[in-house]
Amino acid sequence: MNSYIGYIYLAAAAALMLLSYFKDKNKTKKALITTGKIALNVLPVLFFIFILMGVIQIFVTKELVAKLLGTKSGIWGILIGEIVGSVALIEPAAVFPFSGSLISKGATYGVIYAFVSTAVLIGIATLPAEITFMGKKFTVVRNILSFVLIFLIALTWKLMM
């Protein structure tokens, strides 16, 4: 059953694109051009992530991932996930395949939640831009509160499992 889900999505997307094309050809062409540009920006990142996943599969042992990010990692596993997520320059579309790779190696869902959430919500690299647009106080408070709340949610998740 799961192997057919991708085909269902593709068929639905094709049907909607045809519907859009018949409704307004120019808007559909503009949308496809925009989508192509976005895809060209995301593909190099995804390519890098897939290479990184391959390297992890080969060189990082399941025991190491389980030790650092698994059930016995405790609070430290969550903190490692949050810190790596905070400093990672990974686009959200690439975070999920990488997370799946870590789960297959023994990472827990609480740690992965912490990693994914901080990768999406906290960006050390984007701090200067956020400070410019939102102000220093707002940015610092938002990032600290996000980090703490993500930790508490991940800890709750870890304790429930």
Protein backbone atom coordinates (compact mmCIF):
# COMPACT_ATOMS: atom_id res chain seq x y z
CA MET A 1 0.00 0.00 0.00
CA ASN A 2 2.73 2.50 0.92
CA SER A 3 4.42 2.19 -2.46
CA TYR A 4 1.30 3.53 -4.18
CA ILE A 5 1.01 6.68 -2.07
CA GLY A 6 3.70 8.48 -4.09
CA TYR A 7 1.86 7.66 -7.31
CA ILE A 8 -1.37 9.01 -5.85
CA TYR A 9 0.36 12.30 -4.97
CA LEU A 10 1.86 12.55 -8.45
CA ALA A 11 -1.50 11.84 -10.11
CA ALA A 12 -3.23 14.44 -7.93
CA ALA A 13 -0.52 17.02 -8.67
CA ALA A 14 -0.73 16.32 -12.42
CA ALA A 15 -4.52 16.63 -12.39
CA LEU A 16 -4.39 19.91 -10.48
CA MET A 17 -1.70 21.26 -12.80
CA LEU A 18 -3.80 20.40 -15.84
CA LEU A 19 -6.81 22.07 -14.24
CA SER A 20 -4.70 25.15 -13.53
CA TYR A 21 -3.31 25.15 -17.07
CA PHE A 22 -6.77 25.08 -18.63
CA LYS A 23 -7.98 27.81 -16.29
CA ASP A 24 -5.06 30.24 -16.81
CA LYS A 25 -2.05 29.24 -18.91
CA ASN A 26 0.06 32.27 -18.00
CA LYS A 27 -0.31 31.86 -14.25
CA THR A 28 0.49 28.17 -14.54
CA LYS A 29 3.65 28.93 -16.54
CA LYS A 30 4.72 31.53 -13.96
CA ALA A 31 4.06 29.05 -11.16
CA LEU A 32 6.14 26.38 -12.89
CA ILE A 33 9.00 28.84 -13.41
CA THR A 34 8.88 29.87 -9.75
CA THR A 35 8.76 26.22 -8.69
CA GLY A 36 11.75 25.46 -10.89
CA LYS A 37 13.75 28.28 -9.31
CA ILE A 38 12.91 27.04 -5.82
CA ALA A 39 13.84 23.48 -6.80
CA LEU A 40 17.21 24.67 -8.13
CA ASN A 41 17.89 26.36 -4.78
CA VAL A 42 16.86 23.33 -2.72
CA LEU A 43 18.45 20.55 -4.82
CA PRO A 44 22.09 21.32 -3.88
CA VAL A 45 21.15 21.28 -0.19
CA LEU A 46 19.28 18.01 -0.56
CA PHE A 47 22.22 16.55 -2.49
CA PHE A 48 24.57 17.52 0.35
CA ILE A 49 22.21 16.05 2.95
CA PHE A 50 21.97 12.76 1.06
CA ILE A 51 25.77 12.60 0.90
CA LEU A 52 25.92 13.36 4.63
CA MET A 53 23.35 10.63 5.29
CA GLY A 54 25.47 8.17 3.31
CA VAL A 55 28.59 9.11 5.25
CA ILE A 56 26.71 8.68 8.52
CA GLN A 57 25.40 5.29 7.39
CA ILE A 58 28.94 4.13 6.60
CA PHE A 59 31.15 5.74 9.23
CA VAL A 60 28.93 6.43 12.24
CA THR A 61 27.99 3.28 14.06
CA LYS A 62 24.51 2.57 15.29
CA GLU A 63 25.96 2.17 18.78
CA LEU A 64 27.41 5.70 18.72
CA VAL A 65 24.16 7.29 17.58
CA ALA A 66 22.26 5.23 20.17
CA LYS A 67 24.72 6.33 22.87
CA LEU A 68 24.59 10.05 21.98
CA LEU A 69 20.96 10.35 20.83
CA GLY A 70 19.23 7.15 21.96
CA THR A 71 17.11 6.17 24.91
CA LYS A 72 20.01 6.18 27.37
CA SER A 73 21.30 9.60 26.30
CA GLY A 74 18.88 11.36 28.65
CA ILE A 75 18.90 15.12 28.84
CA TRP A 76 22.26 15.28 27.05
CA GLY A 77 20.80 13.72 23.92
CA ILE A 78 18.11 16.38 23.79
CA LEU A 79 20.67 19.15 24.32
CA ILE A 80 22.92 17.71 21.58
CA GLY A 81 19.93 17.60 19.23
CA GLU A 82 18.99 21.19 20.06
CA ILE A 83 22.51 22.56 19.72
CA VAL A 84 23.15 20.79 16.42
CA GLY A 85 19.75 21.93 15.13
CA SER A 86 20.42 25.52 16.20
CA VAL A 87 23.71 25.82 14.37
CA ALA A 88 22.86 23.62 11.38
CA LEU A 89 22.46 25.47 8.11
CA ILE A 90 19.91 23.00 6.80
CA GLU A 91 16.79 23.96 4.92
CA PRO A 92 13.59 22.56 6.42
CA ALA A 93 13.02 20.30 3.41
CA ALA A 94 16.35 18.59 4.07
CA VAL A 95 15.92 18.24 7.83
CA PHE A 96 13.37 15.46 7.57
CA PRO A 97 15.36 12.97 5.45
CA PHE A 98 18.37 13.56 7.69
CA SER A 99 16.21 12.96 10.77
CA GLY A 100 14.92 9.72 9.29
CA SER A 101 18.51 8.61 8.84
CA LEU A 102 19.25 9.34 12.50
CA ILE A 103 16.14 7.46 13.64
CA SER A 104 17.22 4.41 11.64
CA LYS A 105 20.54 4.59 13.50
CA GLY A 106 18.89 4.62 16.93
CA ALA A 107 18.06 8.23 17.78
CA THR A 108 14.85 8.73 19.77
CA TYR A 109 11.88 10.77 18.66
CA GLY A 110 12.35 13.27 21.49
CA VAL A 111 15.89 14.04 20.35
CA ILE A 112 14.79 14.24 16.72
CA TYR A 113 11.95 16.58 17.72
CA ALA A 114 14.52 18.82 19.44
CA PHE A 115 16.80 18.74 16.39
CA VAL A 116 14.06 19.43 13.83
CA SER A 117 12.36 22.14 15.88
CA THR A 118 15.54 24.07 16.59
CA ALA A 119 16.72 23.67 12.99
CA VAL A 120 13.48 25.29 11.82
CA LEU A 121 12.85 27.80 14.63
CA ILE A 122 16.32 28.82 15.81
CA GLY A 123 19.00 29.85 13.40
CA ILE A 124 22.29 31.12 14.71
CA ALA A 125 23.28 32.07 11.16
CA THR A 126 20.13 34.14 10.69
CA LEU A 127 20.40 36.05 13.98
CA PRO A 128 21.83 39.24 12.41
CA ALA A 129 18.95 39.49 9.95
CA GLU A 130 16.37 38.76 12.64
CA ILE A 131 17.90 41.37 14.95
CA THR A 132 17.79 43.91 12.12
CA PHE A 133 14.12 43.33 11.37
CA MET A 134 12.71 42.41 14.79
CA GLY A 135 15.08 44.04 17.25
CA LYS A 136 17.68 42.60 19.59
CA LYS A 137 15.46 42.11 22.65
CA PHE A 138 12.70 40.34 20.73
CA THR A 139 15.18 38.07 18.93
CA VAL A 140 17.03 37.07 22.10
CA VAL A 141 13.83 36.43 24.07
CA ARG A 142 12.22 34.50 21.21
CA ASN A 143 15.25 32.28 20.70
CA ILE A 144 15.74 31.57 24.41
CA LEU A 145 12.05 30.81 24.94
CA SER A 146 12.00 28.61 21.84
CA PHE A 147 15.06 26.69 23.04
CA VAL A 148 13.61 26.17 26.53
CA LEU A 149 10.13 25.19 25.33
CA ILE A 150 11.54 22.81 22.73
CA PHE A 151 13.67 21.23 25.46
CA LEU A 152 10.67 20.80 27.76
CA ILE A 153 8.52 19.28 25.02
CA ALA A 154 11.32 16.94 23.93
CA LEU A 155 11.95 15.94 27.55
CA THR A 156 8.25 15.20 28.05
CA TRP A 157 8.24 13.14 24.86
CA LYS A 158 11.37 11.28 25.97
CA LEU A 159 9.90 10.54 29.41
CA MET A 160 6.69 9.20 27.84
CA MET A 161 8.54 6.73 25.61
